[in-house]
Structure formats: structure tokens, C-alpha cells
Protein backbone atom coordinates (compact mmCIF):
# COMPACT_ATOMS: atom_id res chain seq x y z
CA MET A 1 0.91 7.83 14.03
CA ARG A 2 3.05 7.72 17.17
CA ARG A 3 3.18 3.92 17.29
CA ARG A 4 4.69 3.77 13.82
CA LEU A 5 7.30 6.40 14.64
CA PHE A 6 8.63 4.77 17.79
CA ARG A 7 11.48 3.09 15.93
CA THR A 8 12.59 6.36 14.37
CA LEU A 9 12.18 8.28 17.61
CA ASP A 10 14.31 5.81 19.58
CA LEU A 11 17.23 8.09 18.69
CA PRO A 12 15.82 11.55 19.47
CA ASP A 13 19.15 13.27 18.80
CA LYS A 14 18.68 12.44 15.12
CA LYS A 15 16.74 14.88 12.98
CA LEU A 16 13.84 13.57 10.96
CA ILE A 17 13.63 13.78 7.22
CA ALA A 18 9.99 13.19 6.37
CA ILE A 19 8.75 12.75 2.82
CA ASP A 20 5.15 13.13 1.74
CA CYS A 21 5.45 10.45 -0.94
CA GLY A 22 2.13 11.41 -2.49
CA SER A 23 2.97 15.01 -3.24
CA VAL A 24 6.74 15.40 -3.45
CA ALA A 25 8.35 15.58 -6.88
CA ILE A 26 9.56 12.16 -7.94
CA SER A 27 13.07 13.54 -8.49
CA GLU A 28 13.22 14.80 -4.89
CA LEU A 29 11.89 11.47 -3.61
CA TYR A 30 14.62 9.62 -5.52
CA SER A 31 17.46 11.96 -4.57
CA THR A 32 16.59 12.13 -0.87
CA THR A 33 16.06 8.40 -0.41
CA GLU A 34 19.09 7.43 -2.48
CA ARG A 35 21.29 9.80 -0.49
CA PHE A 36 19.95 8.31 2.73
CA LEU A 37 20.63 4.73 1.58
CA ARG A 38 24.11 5.42 0.19
CA ASP A 39 25.58 8.03 2.56
CA ALA A 40 26.50 6.61 5.99
CA GLU A 41 27.36 10.05 7.39
CA PHE A 42 23.94 11.35 6.36
CA ARG A 43 22.25 8.33 8.00
CA ASP A 44 24.22 8.95 11.19
CA THR A 45 22.69 12.42 11.54
CA CYS A 46 19.06 11.74 10.64
CA ASN A 47 16.23 9.24 10.38
CA LEU A 48 13.90 8.87 7.40
CA VAL A 49 10.09 8.80 7.57
CA LEU A 50 8.06 7.93 4.48
CA ALA A 51 4.44 9.14 4.52
CA ILE A 52 2.70 6.77 2.10
CA PRO A 53 -0.79 7.49 0.73
CA THR A 54 -3.22 4.57 0.80
CA ASP A 55 -5.15 5.56 -2.34
CA ALA A 56 -5.20 3.47 -5.51
CA ALA A 57 -3.68 6.24 -7.63
CA PHE A 58 -0.49 6.18 -5.57
CA ALA A 59 -0.35 2.37 -5.65
CA ASP A 60 -0.19 2.58 -9.47
CA SER A 61 2.54 5.23 -9.55
CA PRO A 62 6.31 4.91 -10.05
CA ALA A 63 6.74 6.55 -6.63
CA PHE A 64 5.03 3.55 -5.01
CA ASP A 65 7.51 1.14 -6.60
CA HIS A 66 10.41 3.29 -5.43
CA VAL A 67 9.06 3.48 -1.87
CA GLN A 68 8.74 -0.31 -1.81
CA SER A 69 12.35 -0.67 -2.95
CA VAL A 70 13.52 1.78 -0.25
CA LYS A 71 11.69 -0.22 2.43
CA GLN A 72 13.28 -3.44 1.13
CA ALA A 73 16.76 -1.89 0.95
CA ALA A 74 16.42 -0.58 4.51
CA PHE A 75 15.56 -4.08 5.71
CA GLU A 76 18.33 -5.79 3.72
CA ASN A 77 20.97 -3.31 4.87
CA GLY A 78 20.01 -3.24 8.55
CA PHE A 79 18.61 0.30 8.44
CA GLU A 80 15.12 -0.71 9.55
CA GLY A 81 15.47 1.23 12.80
CA LYS A 82 16.36 4.37 10.84
CA VAL A 83 13.55 4.19 8.28
CA SER A 84 9.89 4.34 9.24
CA TRP A 85 6.78 4.61 7.17
CA LEU A 86 3.28 5.81 7.85
CA LEU A 87 0.27 4.74 5.84
CA ILE A 88 -1.69 7.94 5.38
CA HIS A 89 -5.46 7.47 5.63
CA GLU A 90 -6.42 11.03 6.60
CA PRO A 91 -3.97 13.27 4.74
CA LEU A 92 -5.03 16.63 6.18
CA VAL A 93 -4.69 15.52 9.79
CA GLU A 94 -1.84 13.02 9.60
CA LEU A 95 0.44 15.01 7.28
CA ALA A 96 -0.08 18.17 9.32
CA ALA A 97 0.86 16.30 12.51
CA LEU A 98 3.97 14.82 10.91
CA LYS A 99 5.02 18.17 9.45
CA ASN A 100 4.55 19.78 12.86
CA LEU A 101 6.72 17.12 14.53
CA VAL A 102 9.47 17.49 11.94
CA THR A 103 9.39 21.29 12.15
CA ARG A 104 9.53 21.31 15.97
CA GLN A 105 12.50 18.98 15.86
CA GLY A 106 14.36 21.03 13.23
CA GLY A 107 14.23 18.33 10.59
CA LYS A 108 13.38 18.50 6.90
CA TRP A 109 9.86 18.21 5.46
CA CYS A 110 9.73 17.18 1.80
CA ALA A 111 6.42 17.88 0.05
CA SER A 112 5.21 19.80 -2.98
CA VAL A 113 3.61 22.58 -0.93
């Protein structure tokens, strides 16, 4: 997990907003990512981490398509250093570690539970 977060953690004064893309309500996923992409002031104060499940059910969901578009928009707009993503293979361990990191840093954890 740490290797994938190096880009986001290059600016440790920025709080993390981490989204569990597999469990968060689709409306919260849309609103949080759209705000991040459109609001320069918001981007200046935080970095975005997308926790992406690797299961087939997620790959067939509308959330997957939205996550792909966020990744593409970040690249096209030069935000790639402010947006990171983790492919989640072991949800219990990896999501708990990410949540712990975000909580310790005072960021925002977006998930259904």
C-alpha cells in the first residue's frame, strides 16, 4: 500500500480524502470526486485516494466507470500527483490500514460503515 501512496504523501501537509469505492454510496463518490476535480481551493488543501476493489462485481458497476473517468481527468488536468488509487485485494487488512492512516492524519474517510 505504501508504494502506491508515495505520490499523495509527497505533500504531507495536505490532508487525505480516502474513498472506499466499493462501499461508499454512489452519490457520495460522485460529489466528493467532482468537488475535488472542479474546486482548486479544495485540491490545494487535500489529496484524494481511491480504494478500488478488484472483484468482478465492482468492475461491472457504475462506480467503476466513474472511478476510471476520475483517474483519466486527473491525468488530463495535471492532478496525477494529487490523486492516487489502491487496488484492494485484501479488504479487511488494506482498508483498515488506509482508514487508520487517514484518521491519524486528520483527513476524511468515505465509506458506508
